[in-house]
Amino acid sequence: MDTIHKIGRRKTAVARIYVSEGKGNITVNKKDYKNYFTTPHLQYKIMQALNLTDNAEAFDIKVNVFGGGITGQAEAIRLAISRVLVELDPENRTILKPEGLLTRDPRMVERKKFGQKKARKKFQFSKR
């Protein structure tokens, strides 16, 4: 198996991952993923697809991620890893699809409206 390249996105975060056979090392922007994502919740999100398919120590994963916040980046990486696992073994689709790991979350921040403080603030009511 050579290197497989996939892209995952969430909000404005974009993750490009390169997967090859290995011992389970995951590097995010040239750091270990546990140093990049310090909270256990985000580390769980990164490993979720690998743990569900029992591939936690089968592959080495290099990730380049940019844009968005730390949670969006973690979820973008999770989507990209899920896509790689389905390409490697189509049977993984039946495991990952019910968990919602193959769905690109389309929610984006709504733009700010002119003359307003925020996106959803109502305009000032005036009877006349």
Protein backbone atom coordinates (compact mmCIF):
# COMPACT_ATOMS: atom_id res chain seq x y z
CA MET A 1 0.00 0.00 0.00
CA ASP A 2 1.37 3.42 -0.85
CA THR A 3 0.24 6.70 0.61
CA ILE A 4 -3.43 7.61 0.34
CA HIS A 5 -4.36 11.30 0.28
CA LYS A 6 -7.81 12.59 1.35
CA ILE A 7 -9.34 15.92 2.35
CA GLY A 8 -11.83 16.62 5.15
CA ARG A 9 -13.61 19.89 5.85
CA ARG A 10 -15.63 21.38 8.70
CA LYS A 11 -16.74 25.03 8.92
CA THR A 12 -13.66 26.82 7.54
CA ALA A 13 -11.12 24.17 8.59
CA VAL A 14 -9.47 22.06 5.88
CA ALA A 15 -7.50 18.91 6.72
CA ARG A 16 -5.31 17.11 4.19
CA ILE A 17 -4.21 13.69 5.41
CA TYR A 18 -1.66 11.23 4.09
CA VAL A 19 -2.08 7.64 5.30
CA SER A 20 0.48 4.86 4.98
CA GLU A 21 1.06 1.55 6.74
CA GLY A 22 2.77 1.94 10.10
CA LYS A 23 2.52 1.71 13.86
CA GLY A 24 -0.25 4.19 14.62
CA ASN A 25 1.68 7.48 14.70
CA ILE A 26 -0.47 10.54 14.04
CA THR A 27 1.24 13.87 13.40
CA VAL A 28 -0.74 17.09 12.98
CA ASN A 29 1.19 20.05 11.51
CA LYS A 30 4.50 18.32 12.41
CA LYS A 31 3.46 17.79 16.07
CA ASP A 32 2.12 14.71 17.80
CA TYR A 33 -1.68 14.85 17.82
CA LYS A 34 -1.77 14.70 21.63
CA ASN A 35 0.32 17.87 21.80
CA TYR A 36 -1.73 19.64 19.12
CA PHE A 37 -5.14 18.65 20.54
CA THR A 38 -4.67 18.91 24.30
CA THR A 39 -8.17 17.98 25.50
CA PRO A 40 -9.23 14.32 25.72
CA HIS A 41 -12.49 15.13 23.93
CA LEU A 42 -10.68 16.32 20.79
CA GLN A 43 -8.24 13.39 20.93
CA TYR A 44 -11.23 11.05 21.06
CA LYS A 45 -12.70 12.71 17.95
CA ILE A 46 -9.45 12.12 16.04
CA MET A 47 -9.32 8.44 17.04
CA GLN A 48 -13.05 7.71 16.78
CA ALA A 49 -13.11 6.25 13.25
CA LEU A 50 -9.89 4.29 13.83
CA ASN A 51 -11.19 2.77 17.06
CA LEU A 52 -14.57 1.81 15.55
CA THR A 53 -12.86 -0.10 12.73
CA ASP A 54 -10.07 -1.57 14.94
CA ASN A 55 -7.32 0.18 12.94
CA ALA A 56 -5.88 2.33 15.73
CA GLU A 57 -2.34 0.96 15.34
CA ALA A 58 -2.35 -0.09 11.68
CA PHE A 59 -1.51 3.19 9.93
CA ASP A 60 0.77 6.21 10.18
CA ILE A 61 -1.14 9.42 9.50
CA LYS A 62 0.33 12.81 8.59
CA VAL A 63 -2.08 15.74 8.72
CA ASN A 64 -1.82 19.29 7.41
CA VAL A 65 -4.71 21.30 8.80
CA PHE A 66 -5.46 25.02 8.60
CA GLY A 67 -8.34 27.43 9.08
CA GLY A 68 -11.16 27.44 11.59
CA GLY A 69 -10.87 26.68 15.27
CA ILE A 70 -9.47 23.69 17.08
CA THR A 71 -12.80 21.79 17.21
CA GLY A 72 -13.48 22.33 13.52
CA GLN A 73 -9.98 21.12 12.72
CA ALA A 74 -10.47 17.95 14.79
CA GLU A 75 -13.76 17.19 13.04
CA ALA A 76 -12.21 17.84 9.61
CA ILE A 77 -9.46 15.33 10.42
CA ARG A 78 -12.07 12.82 11.59
CA LEU A 79 -13.94 13.10 8.27
CA ALA A 80 -10.75 12.66 6.24
CA ILE A 81 -9.70 9.58 8.24
CA SER A 82 -13.17 8.08 7.77
CA ARG A 83 -12.93 8.60 4.01
CA VAL A 84 -9.55 6.84 3.89
CA LEU A 85 -10.86 3.87 5.89
CA VAL A 86 -13.78 3.45 3.47
CA GLU A 87 -11.42 3.57 0.48
CA LEU A 88 -9.19 0.90 2.04
CA ASP A 89 -12.07 -1.43 2.92
CA PRO A 90 -15.62 -0.74 1.63
CA GLU A 91 -17.04 -2.81 4.51
CA ASN A 92 -15.97 -0.01 6.89
CA ARG A 93 -18.77 2.07 5.36
CA THR A 94 -21.39 -0.02 7.21
CA ILE A 95 -19.62 0.75 10.51
CA LEU A 96 -18.93 4.46 9.97
CA LYS A 97 -22.10 5.58 8.17
CA PRO A 98 -24.55 4.97 11.09
CA GLU A 99 -22.22 6.93 13.40
CA GLY A 100 -22.41 9.92 11.03
CA LEU A 101 -18.68 9.98 10.38
CA LEU A 102 -18.96 10.07 6.58
CA THR A 103 -21.26 13.10 6.44
CA ARG A 104 -19.72 16.50 5.71
CA ASP A 105 -21.38 18.85 8.22
CA PRO A 106 -22.61 21.74 6.03
CA ARG A 107 -23.25 24.25 8.82
CA MET A 108 -21.32 27.48 8.36
CA VAL A 109 -21.32 30.79 10.21
CA GLU A 110 -24.01 33.11 8.90
CA ARG A 111 -22.67 36.37 7.56
CA LYS A 112 -23.12 39.65 9.40
CA LYS A 113 -25.85 41.89 7.97
CA PHE A 114 -25.09 45.53 7.21
CA GLY A 115 -26.31 48.03 9.77
CA GLN A 116 -26.58 45.33 12.43
CA LYS A 117 -24.33 44.10 15.23
CA LYS A 118 -24.71 40.40 14.44
CA ALA A 119 -26.11 38.07 11.81
CA ARG A 120 -29.47 37.35 13.42
CA LYS A 121 -30.26 40.59 15.26
CA LYS A 122 -33.60 42.00 14.18
CA PHE A 123 -33.85 45.43 12.64
CA GLN A 124 -35.21 48.17 14.89
CA PHE A 125 -39.00 48.14 14.75
CA SER A 126 -40.56 51.40 13.69
CA LYS A 127 -44.33 51.88 13.32
CA ARG A 128 -43.87 54.83 10.94
